[in-house]
Amino acid sequence: MKTDDGGPAFSRTAYIERDVRGNITSEVEAQDGMSLRDYFAAQALAGLIAAHTGEMSLPVANHAARDAYEFADAMIVARRK
């Protein structure tokens, strides 16, 4: 089962800019950006790290990363209500 990632967080629509003669001056491709889930997890992780006291060892970092995604998943569920 695919995890609900909340969709794109910072998407950008493709567009073309032209000068008065119709020549293309700028062209930007569409981008999905990161998922909302990843954005929420990054924000949660920043808070978890800021609140952590003591050494940030790899096992502690791994646990914090898992917790951050659990927070992100909870935020996506809350957002859907």
N, C-alpha and C. Protein backbone atom coordinates (compact mmCIF):
# COMPACT_ATOMS: atom_id res chain seq x y z
N MET A 1 0.84 -1.18 0.00
CA MET A 1 0.00 0.00 0.00
C MET A 1 0.88 1.24 0.00
N LYS A 2 0.60 2.17 -0.89
CA LYS A 2 1.40 3.39 -1.00
C LYS A 2 1.03 4.36 0.12
N THR A 3 2.05 4.94 0.73
CA THR A 3 1.85 5.95 1.77
C THR A 3 1.34 7.23 1.13
N ASP A 4 0.34 7.84 1.76
CA ASP A 4 -0.16 9.14 1.28
C ASP A 4 0.92 10.19 1.54
N ASP A 5 1.48 10.75 0.47
CA ASP A 5 2.54 11.75 0.65
C ASP A 5 2.01 13.17 0.66
N GLY A 6 0.70 13.34 0.58
CA GLY A 6 0.11 14.67 0.64
C GLY A 6 0.19 15.46 -0.66
N GLY A 7 0.83 14.90 -1.66
CA GLY A 7 1.00 15.62 -2.93
C GLY A 7 2.20 16.56 -2.87
N PRO A 8 2.43 17.30 -3.95
CA PRO A 8 3.60 18.19 -3.99
C PRO A 8 3.45 19.39 -3.06
N ALA A 9 4.56 19.77 -2.43
CA ALA A 9 4.55 20.91 -1.51
C ALA A 9 4.92 22.21 -2.22
N PHE A 10 5.83 22.15 -3.14
CA PHE A 10 6.31 23.36 -3.80
C PHE A 10 6.36 23.16 -5.32
N SER A 11 5.21 22.85 -5.89
CA SER A 11 5.18 22.61 -7.33
C SER A 11 5.30 23.93 -8.10
N ARG A 12 5.68 23.80 -9.34
CA ARG A 12 5.81 24.97 -10.20
C ARG A 12 5.28 24.61 -11.58
N THR A 13 4.43 25.44 -12.11
CA THR A 13 3.83 25.23 -13.42
C THR A 13 4.84 25.61 -14.51
N ALA A 14 4.82 24.86 -15.60
CA ALA A 14 5.67 25.20 -16.74
C ALA A 14 5.16 26.47 -17.39
N TYR A 15 6.07 27.26 -17.89
CA TYR A 15 5.66 28.46 -18.63
C TYR A 15 6.75 28.89 -19.61
N ILE A 16 6.31 29.66 -20.58
CA ILE A 16 7.22 30.22 -21.59
C ILE A 16 6.98 31.73 -21.63
N GLU A 17 8.06 32.48 -21.59
CA GLU A 17 7.96 33.94 -21.74
C GLU A 17 8.44 34.30 -23.14
N ARG A 18 7.73 35.24 -23.75
CA ARG A 18 8.08 35.68 -25.10
C ARG A 18 8.24 37.20 -25.12
N ASP A 19 9.08 37.67 -26.01
CA ASP A 19 9.21 39.11 -26.18
C ASP A 19 8.09 39.62 -27.10
N VAL A 20 8.08 40.89 -27.40
CA VAL A 20 7.01 41.48 -28.21
C VAL A 20 6.94 40.90 -29.62
N ARG A 21 8.04 40.35 -30.09
CA ARG A 21 8.06 39.74 -31.44
C ARG A 21 7.66 38.27 -31.41
N GLY A 22 7.42 37.74 -30.23
CA GLY A 22 7.01 36.34 -30.12
C GLY A 22 8.17 35.37 -29.93
N ASN A 23 9.39 35.90 -29.83
CA ASN A 23 10.55 35.03 -29.62
C ASN A 23 10.58 34.57 -28.16
N ILE A 24 10.91 33.31 -27.96
CA ILE A 24 10.99 32.77 -26.60
C ILE A 24 12.20 33.39 -25.89
N THR A 25 11.94 33.99 -24.73
CA THR A 25 13.03 34.59 -23.95
C THR A 25 13.35 33.76 -22.71
N SER A 26 12.38 32.96 -22.26
CA SER A 26 12.58 32.15 -21.07
C SER A 26 11.61 30.98 -21.11
N GLU A 27 12.11 29.82 -20.71
CA GLU A 27 11.27 28.63 -20.69
C GLU A 27 11.56 27.86 -19.40
N VAL A 28 10.53 27.57 -18.65
CA VAL A 28 10.68 26.87 -17.37
C VAL A 28 9.84 25.60 -17.41
N GLU A 29 10.46 24.49 -17.08
CA GLU A 29 9.74 23.21 -17.04
C GLU A 29 8.97 23.08 -15.72
N ALA A 30 7.91 22.32 -15.75
CA ALA A 30 7.13 22.06 -14.53
C ALA A 30 7.97 21.22 -13.57
N GLN A 31 7.77 21.47 -12.29
CA GLN A 31 8.45 20.70 -11.25
C GLN A 31 7.45 20.34 -10.17
N ASP A 32 7.50 19.10 -9.71
CA ASP A 32 6.61 18.68 -8.63
C ASP A 32 7.09 19.20 -7.28
N GLY A 33 8.38 19.36 -7.12
CA GLY A 33 8.91 19.74 -5.82
C GLY A 33 8.88 18.56 -4.86
N MET A 34 9.20 18.81 -3.62
CA MET A 34 9.17 17.73 -2.63
C MET A 34 7.73 17.44 -2.24
N SER A 35 7.52 16.27 -1.67
CA SER A 35 6.16 15.95 -1.23
C SER A 35 5.85 16.70 0.06
N LEU A 36 4.58 16.88 0.31
CA LEU A 36 4.16 17.53 1.54
C LEU A 36 4.60 16.70 2.74
N ARG A 37 4.58 15.38 2.59
CA ARG A 37 5.03 14.50 3.68
C ARG A 37 6.49 14.76 4.02
N ASP A 38 7.34 14.87 3.00
CA ASP A 38 8.75 15.16 3.25
C ASP A 38 8.94 16.53 3.89
N TYR A 39 8.16 17.51 3.45
CA TYR A 39 8.25 18.85 4.04
C TYR A 39 7.85 18.81 5.52
N PHE A 40 6.72 18.16 5.81
CA PHE A 40 6.28 18.05 7.20
C PHE A 40 7.32 17.31 8.04
N ALA A 41 7.89 16.24 7.49
CA ALA A 41 8.90 15.46 8.23
C ALA A 41 10.14 16.31 8.50
N ALA A 42 10.55 17.11 7.53
CA ALA A 42 11.73 17.96 7.72
C ALA A 42 11.49 18.97 8.83
N GLN A 43 10.28 19.54 8.85
CA GLN A 43 9.95 20.51 9.90
C GLN A 43 9.92 19.83 11.26
N ALA A 44 9.31 18.65 11.32
CA ALA A 44 9.25 17.92 12.59
C ALA A 44 10.65 17.52 13.05
N LEU A 45 11.49 17.08 12.11
CA LEU A 45 12.85 16.68 12.47
C LEU A 45 13.65 17.85 13.02
N ALA A 46 13.47 19.02 12.44
CA ALA A 46 14.17 20.21 12.95
C ALA A 46 13.78 20.47 14.41
N GLY A 47 12.50 20.32 14.71
CA GLY A 47 12.04 20.51 16.08
C GLY A 47 12.57 19.43 17.02
N LEU A 48 12.59 18.20 16.55
CA LEU A 48 13.09 17.10 17.38
C LEU A 48 14.58 17.29 17.68
N ILE A 49 15.33 17.71 16.69
CA ILE A 49 16.77 17.93 16.89
C ILE A 49 16.99 19.11 17.84
N ALA A 50 16.23 20.18 17.66
CA ALA A 50 16.38 21.36 18.51
C ALA A 50 16.04 21.04 19.97
N ALA A 51 15.08 20.15 20.17
CA ALA A 51 14.66 19.80 21.54
C ALA A 51 15.54 18.74 22.18
N HIS A 52 16.36 18.07 21.37
CA HIS A 52 17.20 16.98 21.88
C HIS A 52 18.35 17.52 22.72
N THR A 53 18.54 16.90 23.86
CA THR A 53 19.70 17.23 24.68
C THR A 53 20.61 16.02 24.69
N GLY A 54 21.86 16.26 24.65
CA GLY A 54 22.82 15.16 24.64
C GLY A 54 23.38 14.94 23.24
N GLU A 55 24.11 13.85 23.13
CA GLU A 55 24.78 13.54 21.87
C GLU A 55 23.77 13.03 20.84
N MET A 56 23.93 13.47 19.60
CA MET A 56 23.07 13.01 18.51
C MET A 56 23.81 11.90 17.77
N SER A 57 23.78 10.71 18.34
CA SER A 57 24.44 9.57 17.71
C SER A 57 23.59 9.07 16.54
N LEU A 58 24.16 8.18 15.74
CA LEU A 58 23.43 7.65 14.60
C LEU A 58 22.15 6.91 15.01
N PRO A 59 22.18 6.07 16.05
CA PRO A 59 20.92 5.44 16.47
C PRO A 59 19.87 6.45 16.90
N VAL A 60 20.28 7.49 17.59
CA VAL A 60 19.34 8.53 18.02
C VAL A 60 18.81 9.28 16.79
N ALA A 61 19.67 9.58 15.84
CA ALA A 61 19.26 10.26 14.61
C ALA A 61 18.27 9.41 13.81
N ASN A 62 18.54 8.10 13.72
CA ASN A 62 17.62 7.19 13.02
C ASN A 62 16.25 7.18 13.68
N HIS A 63 16.23 7.15 15.00
CA HIS A 63 14.97 7.16 15.74
C HIS A 63 14.23 8.48 15.51
N ALA A 64 14.95 9.58 15.54
CA ALA A 64 14.35 10.90 15.32
C ALA A 64 13.76 10.99 13.91
N ALA A 65 14.46 10.43 12.92
CA ALA A 65 13.96 10.46 11.54
C ALA A 65 12.67 9.65 11.42
N ARG A 66 12.62 8.50 12.05
CA ARG A 66 11.39 7.70 12.04
C ARG A 66 10.25 8.46 12.71
N ASP A 67 10.55 9.07 13.86
CA ASP A 67 9.53 9.85 14.57
C ASP A 67 9.04 11.02 13.71
N ALA A 68 9.94 11.65 12.98
CA ALA A 68 9.57 12.80 12.15
C ALA A 68 8.55 12.38 11.09
N TYR A 69 8.75 11.21 10.49
CA TYR A 69 7.79 10.73 9.49
C TYR A 69 6.47 10.30 10.13
N GLU A 70 6.51 9.83 11.36
CA GLU A 70 5.27 9.52 12.05
C GLU A 70 4.48 10.81 12.31
N PHE A 71 5.17 11.87 12.71
CA PHE A 71 4.52 13.17 12.88
C PHE A 71 3.96 13.66 11.54
N ALA A 72 4.74 13.51 10.48
CA ALA A 72 4.30 13.95 9.16
C ALA A 72 3.04 13.20 8.73
N ASP A 73 3.03 11.89 8.94
CA ASP A 73 1.85 11.10 8.58
C ASP A 73 0.63 11.54 9.38
N ALA A 74 0.83 11.84 10.66
CA ALA A 74 -0.28 12.32 11.50
C ALA A 74 -0.78 13.68 11.01
N MET A 75 0.13 14.54 10.56
CA MET A 75 -0.28 15.85 10.06
C MET A 75 -1.09 15.71 8.76
N ILE A 76 -0.71 14.78 7.92
CA ILE A 76 -1.45 14.56 6.67
C ILE A 76 -2.85 14.04 6.97
N VAL A 77 -2.96 13.11 7.93
CA VAL A 77 -4.27 12.59 8.31
C VAL A 77 -5.13 13.72 8.89
N ALA A 78 -4.56 14.52 9.76
CA ALA A 78 -5.30 15.64 10.37
C ALA A 78 -5.73 16.64 9.31
N ARG A 79 -4.90 16.86 8.32
CA ARG A 79 -5.19 17.82 7.25
C ARG A 79 -6.36 17.36 6.39
N ARG A 80 -6.53 16.06 6.24
CA ARG A 80 -7.60 15.52 5.41
C ARG A 80 -8.97 15.62 6.07
N LYS A 81 -9.01 15.85 7.38
CA LYS A 81 -10.29 15.91 8.11
C LYS A 81 -10.96 17.25 7.96
